[in-house]
Amino acid sequence: MFETKTVVTPAALLTEGTLRPFGEVTSHATDPFTGERLNLVLWDGMPKPIAYHDDELTTADRRHL
């Protein structure tokens, strides 16, 4: 589980030339069907957060971009 305010990016490899999105973990939620805890991530330009499992995200440091 990522802490709130953590800057994240997708863990999956992106194709060459694709821009890498960055988002911030805003809170957490529980999946009503499985009971799993999920990270709610607000991506740049999106109106509301989207839920992700831990293995779908990795931390990012915007200072080095």
PDB file of N, CA and C in Angstrom:
ATOM      1  N   MET A   1       0.841  -1.163   0.000  1.00  0.00           N
ATOM      2  CA  MET A   1       0.000   0.000   0.000  1.00  0.00           C
ATOM      3  C   MET A   1       0.896   1.239   0.000  1.00  0.00           C
ATOM      4  N   PHE A   2       0.651   2.127  -0.931  1.00  0.00           N
ATOM      5  CA  PHE A   2       1.413   3.366  -1.017  1.00  0.00           C
ATOM      6  C   PHE A   2       0.812   4.398  -0.055  1.00  0.00           C
ATOM      7  N   GLU A   3       1.662   5.211   0.540  1.00  0.00           N
ATOM      8  CA  GLU A   3       1.184   6.272   1.416  1.00  0.00           C
ATOM      9  C   GLU A   3       0.523   7.362   0.585  1.00  0.00           C
ATOM     10  N   THR A   4      -0.415   8.093   1.192  1.00  0.00           N
ATOM     11  CA  THR A   4      -1.033   9.204   0.487  1.00  0.00           C
ATOM     12  C   THR A   4       0.038  10.243   0.182  1.00  0.00           C
ATOM     13  N   LYS A   5      -0.162  10.994  -0.865  1.00  0.00           N
ATOM     14  CA  LYS A   5       0.746  12.026  -1.381  1.00  0.00           C
ATOM     15  C   LYS A   5       1.953  11.446  -2.120  1.00  0.00           C
ATOM     16  N   THR A   6       2.034  10.112  -2.266  1.00  0.00           N
ATOM     17  CA  THR A   6       3.127   9.499  -3.012  1.00  0.00           C
ATOM     18  C   THR A   6       2.900   9.720  -4.504  1.00  0.00           C
ATOM     19  N   VAL A   7       3.921  10.181  -5.214  1.00  0.00           N
ATOM     20  CA  VAL A   7       3.833  10.348  -6.666  1.00  0.00           C
ATOM     21  C   VAL A   7       4.136   8.997  -7.301  1.00  0.00           C
ATOM     22  N   VAL A   8       3.236   8.541  -8.190  1.00  0.00           N
ATOM     23  CA  VAL A   8       3.362   7.218  -8.799  1.00  0.00           C
ATOM     24  C   VAL A   8       3.240   7.310 -10.315  1.00  0.00           C
ATOM     25  N   THR A   9       3.630   6.215 -10.960  1.00  0.00           N
ATOM     26  CA  THR A   9       3.505   6.056 -12.401  1.00  0.00           C
ATOM     27  C   THR A   9       3.192   4.578 -12.641  1.00  0.00           C
ATOM     28  N   PRO A  10       2.617   4.211 -13.778  1.00  0.00           N
ATOM     29  CA  PRO A  10       2.328   2.793 -14.029  1.00  0.00           C
ATOM     30  C   PRO A  10       3.600   1.952 -13.996  1.00  0.00           C
ATOM     31  N   ALA A  11       3.499   0.749 -13.456  1.00  0.00           N
ATOM     32  CA  ALA A  11       4.645  -0.153 -13.371  1.00  0.00           C
ATOM     33  C   ALA A  11       4.939  -0.826 -14.710  1.00  0.00           C
ATOM     34  N   ALA A  12       3.946  -0.916 -15.570  1.00  0.00           N
ATOM     35  CA  ALA A  12       4.116  -1.584 -16.868  1.00  0.00           C
ATOM     36  C   ALA A  12       5.059  -0.794 -17.770  1.00  0.00           C
ATOM     37  N   LEU A  13       5.802  -1.520 -18.596  1.00  0.00           N
ATOM     38  CA  LEU A  13       6.665  -0.871 -19.579  1.00  0.00           C
ATOM     39  C   LEU A  13       5.803  -0.201 -20.633  1.00  0.00           C
ATOM     40  N   LEU A  14       6.212   0.964 -21.060  1.00  0.00           N
ATOM     41  CA  LEU A  14       5.481   1.689 -22.094  1.00  0.00           C
ATOM     42  C   LEU A  14       6.233   1.588 -23.401  1.00  0.00           C
ATOM     43  N   THR A  15       5.512   1.680 -24.493  1.00  0.00           N
ATOM     44  CA  THR A  15       6.167   1.626 -25.798  1.00  0.00           C
ATOM     45  C   THR A  15       6.999   2.879 -26.008  1.00  0.00           C
ATOM     46  N   GLU A  16       8.043   2.750 -26.803  1.00  0.00           N
ATOM     47  CA  GLU A  16       8.951   3.866 -27.067  1.00  0.00           C
ATOM     48  C   GLU A  16       8.181   5.045 -27.654  1.00  0.00           C
ATOM     49  N   GLY A  17       8.467   6.234 -27.144  1.00  0.00           N
ATOM     50  CA  GLY A  17       7.808   7.438 -27.620  1.00  0.00           C
ATOM     51  C   GLY A  17       6.531   7.784 -26.886  1.00  0.00           C
ATOM     52  N   THR A  18       6.083   6.897 -25.990  1.00  0.00           N
ATOM     53  CA  THR A  18       4.871   7.152 -25.217  1.00  0.00           C
ATOM     54  C   THR A  18       5.206   8.000 -24.002  1.00  0.00           C
ATOM     55  N   LEU A  19       4.386   8.999 -23.740  1.00  0.00           N
ATOM     56  CA  LEU A  19       4.592   9.814 -22.539  1.00  0.00           C
ATOM     57  C   LEU A  19       4.208   9.028 -21.297  1.00  0.00           C
ATOM     58  N   ARG A  20       5.007   9.160 -20.247  1.00  0.00           N
ATOM     59  CA  ARG A  20       4.728   8.449 -18.996  1.00  0.00           C
ATOM     60  C   ARG A  20       3.855   9.335 -18.110  1.00  0.00           C
ATOM     61  N   PRO A  21       2.670   8.850 -17.735  1.00  0.00           N
ATOM     62  CA  PRO A  21       1.803   9.637 -16.863  1.00  0.00           C
ATOM     63  C   PRO A  21       2.281   9.598 -15.410  1.00  0.00           C
ATOM     64  N   PHE A  22       1.998  10.655 -14.683  1.00  0.00           N
ATOM     65  CA  PHE A  22       2.312  10.723 -13.264  1.00  0.00           C
ATOM     66  C   PHE A  22       1.041  11.059 -12.517  1.00  0.00           C
ATOM     67  N   GLY A  23       0.892  10.473 -11.352  1.00  0.00           N
ATOM     68  CA  GLY A  23      -0.274  10.731 -10.525  1.00  0.00           C
ATOM     69  C   GLY A  23       0.118  10.747  -9.062  1.00  0.00           C
ATOM     70  N   GLU A  24      -0.845  11.044  -8.227  1.00  0.00           N
ATOM     71  CA  GLU A  24      -0.611  11.099  -6.785  1.00  0.00           C
ATOM     72  C   GLU A  24      -1.649  10.251  -6.077  1.00  0.00           C
ATOM     73  N   VAL A  25      -1.180   9.421  -5.125  1.00  0.00           N
ATOM     74  CA  VAL A  25      -2.090   8.623  -4.319  1.00  0.00           C
ATOM     75  C   VAL A  25      -2.836   9.582  -3.388  1.00  0.00           C
ATOM     76  N   THR A  26      -4.164   9.625  -3.534  1.00  0.00           N
ATOM     77  CA  THR A  26      -4.960  10.554  -2.738  1.00  0.00           C
ATOM     78  C   THR A  26      -5.566   9.899  -1.505  1.00  0.00           C
ATOM     79  N   SER A  27      -5.856   8.598  -1.591  1.00  0.00           N
ATOM     80  CA  SER A  27      -6.444   7.857  -0.469  1.00  0.00           C
ATOM     81  C   SER A  27      -6.461   6.381  -0.832  1.00  0.00           C
ATOM     82  N   HIS A  28      -7.222   5.608  -0.061  1.00  0.00           N
ATOM     83  CA  HIS A  28      -7.309   4.169  -0.290  1.00  0.00           C
ATOM     84  C   HIS A  28      -8.775   3.738  -0.250  1.00  0.00           C
ATOM     85  N   ALA A  29      -9.051   2.591  -0.846  1.00  0.00           N
ATOM     86  CA  ALA A  29     -10.410   2.056  -0.863  1.00  0.00           C
ATOM     87  C   ALA A  29     -10.344   0.538  -0.711  1.00  0.00           C
ATOM     88  N   THR A  30     -11.464  -0.043  -0.363  1.00  0.00           N
ATOM     89  CA  THR A  30     -11.569  -1.495  -0.261  1.00  0.00           C
ATOM     90  C   THR A  30     -12.488  -1.990  -1.367  1.00  0.00           C
ATOM     91  N   ASP A  31     -11.992  -2.969  -2.139  1.00  0.00           N
ATOM     92  CA  ASP A  31     -12.808  -3.553  -3.195  1.00  0.00           C
ATOM     93  C   ASP A  31     -13.986  -4.264  -2.541  1.00  0.00           C
ATOM     94  N   PRO A  32     -15.216  -3.930  -2.907  1.00  0.00           N
ATOM     95  CA  PRO A  32     -16.383  -4.522  -2.246  1.00  0.00           C
ATOM     96  C   PRO A  32     -16.568  -6.013  -2.518  1.00  0.00           C
ATOM     97  N   PHE A  33     -15.968  -6.525  -3.580  1.00  0.00           N
ATOM     98  CA  PHE A  33     -16.129  -7.934  -3.921  1.00  0.00           C
ATOM     99  C   PHE A  33     -15.034  -8.821  -3.345  1.00  0.00           C
ATOM    100  N   THR A  34     -13.787  -8.328  -3.341  1.00  0.00           N
ATOM    101  CA  THR A  34     -12.656  -9.152  -2.886  1.00  0.00           C
ATOM    102  C   THR A  34     -12.137  -8.759  -1.514  1.00  0.00           C
ATOM    103  N   GLY A  35     -12.458  -7.535  -1.064  1.00  0.00           N
ATOM    104  CA  GLY A  35     -11.941  -7.055   0.215  1.00  0.00           C
ATOM    105  C   GLY A  35     -10.525  -6.527   0.134  1.00  0.00           C
ATOM    106  N   GLU A  36      -9.934  -6.515  -1.076  1.00  0.00           N
ATOM    107  CA  GLU A  36      -8.561  -6.024  -1.245  1.00  0.00           C
ATOM    108  C   GLU A  36      -8.495  -4.517  -1.038  1.00  0.00           C
ATOM    109  N   ARG A  37      -7.381  -4.059  -0.462  1.00  0.00           N
ATOM    110  CA  ARG A  37      -7.147  -2.621  -0.309  1.00  0.00           C
ATOM    111  C   ARG A  37      -6.512  -2.102  -1.587  1.00  0.00           C
ATOM    112  N   LEU A  38      -7.011  -0.988  -2.083  1.00  0.00           N
ATOM    113  CA  LEU A  38      -6.539  -0.405  -3.333  1.00  0.00           C
ATOM    114  C   LEU A  38      -6.065   1.022  -3.108  1.00  0.00           C
ATOM    115  N   ASN A  39      -5.163   1.475  -3.977  1.00  0.00           N
ATOM    116  CA  ASN A  39      -4.677   2.855  -3.959  1.00  0.00           C
ATOM    117  C   ASN A  39      -5.554   3.682  -4.885  1.00  0.00           C
ATOM    118  N   LEU A  40      -6.029   4.819  -4.435  1.00  0.00           N
ATOM    119  CA  LEU A  40      -6.773   5.734  -5.299  1.00  0.00           C
ATOM    120  C   LEU A  40      -5.789   6.772  -5.815  1.00  0.00           C
ATOM    121  N   VAL A  41      -5.618   6.805  -7.142  1.00  0.00           N
ATOM    122  CA  VAL A  41      -4.621   7.664  -7.773  1.00  0.00           C
ATOM    123  C   VAL A  41      -5.321   8.727  -8.606  1.00  0.00           C
ATOM    124  N   LEU A  42      -4.939   9.976  -8.387  1.00  0.00           N
ATOM    125  CA  LEU A  42      -5.423  11.079  -9.211  1.00  0.00           C
ATOM    126  C   LEU A  42      -4.335  11.397 -10.225  1.00  0.00           C
ATOM    127  N   TRP A  43      -4.628  11.112 -11.501  1.00  0.00           N
ATOM    128  CA  TRP A  43      -3.680  11.364 -12.580  1.00  0.00           C
ATOM    129  C   TRP A  43      -3.779  12.813 -13.027  1.00  0.00           C
ATOM    130  N   ASP A  44      -2.680  13.363 -13.511  1.00  0.00           N
ATOM    131  CA  ASP A  44      -2.678  14.723 -14.045  1.00  0.00           C
ATOM    132  C   ASP A  44      -3.756  14.840 -15.119  1.00  0.00           C
ATOM    133  N   GLY A  45      -4.607  15.834 -14.999  1.00  0.00           N
ATOM    134  CA  GLY A  45      -5.646  16.076 -15.991  1.00  0.00           C
ATOM    135  C   GLY A  45      -6.928  15.282 -15.808  1.00  0.00           C
ATOM    136  N   MET A  46      -6.988  14.377 -14.841  1.00  0.00           N
ATOM    137  CA  MET A  46      -8.199  13.589 -14.625  1.00  0.00           C
ATOM    138  C   MET A  46      -9.072  14.244 -13.548  1.00  0.00           C
ATOM    139  N   PRO A  47     -10.398  14.145 -13.661  1.00  0.00           N
ATOM    140  CA  PRO A  47     -11.282  14.800 -12.700  1.00  0.00           C
ATOM    141  C   PRO A  47     -11.430  14.069 -11.367  1.00  0.00           C
ATOM    142  N   LYS A  48     -11.204  12.728 -11.345  1.00  0.00           N
ATOM    143  CA  LYS A  48     -11.344  11.990 -10.088  1.00  0.00           C
ATOM    144  C   LYS A  48     -10.355  10.829 -10.041  1.00  0.00           C
ATOM    145  N   PRO A  49     -10.046  10.341  -8.837  1.00  0.00           N
ATOM    146  CA  PRO A  49      -9.067   9.249  -8.689  1.00  0.00           C
ATOM    147  C   PRO A  49      -9.586   7.910  -9.239  1.00  0.00           C
ATOM    148  N   ILE A  50      -8.640   7.048  -9.606  1.00  0.00           N
ATOM    149  CA  ILE A  50      -8.929   5.705 -10.105  1.00  0.00           C
ATOM    150  C   ILE A  50      -8.211   4.710  -9.194  1.00  0.00           C
ATOM    151  N   ALA A  51      -8.834   3.555  -8.929  1.00  0.00           N
ATOM    152  CA  ALA A  51      -8.291   2.543  -8.018  1.00  0.00           C
ATOM    153  C   ALA A  51      -7.289   1.624  -8.722  1.00  0.00           C
ATOM    154  N   TYR A  52      -6.175   1.315  -8.018  1.00  0.00           N
ATOM    155  CA  TYR A  52      -5.126   0.437  -8.536  1.00  0.00           C
ATOM    156  C   TYR A  52      -4.587  -0.465  -7.431  1.00  0.00           C
ATOM    157  N   HIS A  53      -4.172  -1.680  -7.844  1.00  0.00           N
ATOM    158  CA  HIS A  53      -3.460  -2.580  -6.933  1.00  0.00           C
ATOM    159  C   HIS A  53      -2.014  -2.104  -6.817  1.00  0.00           C
ATOM    160  N   ASP A  54      -1.338  -2.514  -5.745  1.00  0.00           N
ATOM    161  CA  ASP A  54       0.064  -2.120  -5.534  1.00  0.00           C
ATOM    162  C   ASP A  54       0.969  -2.509  -6.701  1.00  0.00           C
ATOM    163  N   ASP A  55       0.770  -3.712  -7.258  1.00  0.00           N
ATOM    164  CA  ASP A  55       1.676  -4.186  -8.313  1.00  0.00           C
ATOM    165  C   ASP A  55       1.476  -3.472  -9.648  1.00  0.00           C
ATOM    166  N   GLU A  56       0.454  -2.632  -9.770  1.00  0.00           N
ATOM    167  CA  GLU A  56       0.212  -1.886 -11.002  1.00  0.00           C
ATOM    168  C   GLU A  56       0.921  -0.536 -11.011  1.00  0.00           C
ATOM    169  N   LEU A  57       1.515  -0.151  -9.862  1.00  0.00           N
ATOM    170  CA  LEU A  57       2.131   1.170  -9.716  1.00  0.00           C
ATOM    171  C   LEU A  57       3.569   1.064  -9.236  1.00  0.00           C
ATOM    172  N   THR A  58       4.326   2.108  -9.491  1.00  0.00           N
ATOM    173  CA  THR A  58       5.655   2.242  -8.925  1.00  0.00           C
ATOM    174  C   THR A  58       5.850   3.711  -8.556  1.00  0.00           C
ATOM    175  N   THR A  59       6.708   3.969  -7.588  1.00  0.00           N
ATOM    176  CA  THR A  59       6.933   5.360  -7.178  1.00  0.00           C
ATOM    177  C   THR A  59       7.724   6.104  -8.235  1.00  0.00           C
ATOM    178  N   ALA A  60       7.514   7.401  -8.282  1.00  0.00           N
ATOM    179  CA  ALA A  60       8.218   8.256  -9.252  1.00  0.00           C
ATOM    180  C   ALA A  60       8.699   9.492  -8.513  1.00  0.00           C
ATOM    181  N   ASP A  61       9.775  10.059  -8.999  1.00  0.00           N
ATOM    182  CA  ASP A  61      10.326  11.271  -8.407  1.00  0.00           C
ATOM    183  C   ASP A  61      10.397  12.334  -9.494  1.00  0.00           C
ATOM    184  N   ARG A  62       9.473  13.259  -9.476  1.00  0.00           N
ATOM    185  CA  ARG A  62       9.397  14.294 -10.510  1.00  0.00           C
ATOM    186  C   ARG A  62      10.606  15.229 -10.502  1.00  0.00           C
ATOM    187  N   ARG A  63      11.341  15.287  -9.406  1.00  0.00           N
ATOM    188  CA  ARG A  63      12.497  16.187  -9.345  1.00  0.00           C
ATOM    189  C   ARG A  63      13.563  15.808 -10.343  1.00  0.00           C
ATOM    190  N   HIS A  64      13.580  14.542 -10.780  1.00  0.00           N
ATOM    191  CA  HIS A  64      14.627  14.068 -11.673  1.00  0.00           C
ATOM    192  C   HIS A  64      14.177  14.001 -13.129  1.00  0.00           C
ATOM    193  N   LEU A  65      13.051  14.612 -13.436  1.00  0.00           N
ATOM    194  CA  LEU A  65      12.550  14.591 -14.817  1.00  0.00           C
ATOM    195  C   LEU A  65      13.010  15.806 -15.571  1.00  0.00           C
TER     196      LEU A  65
END
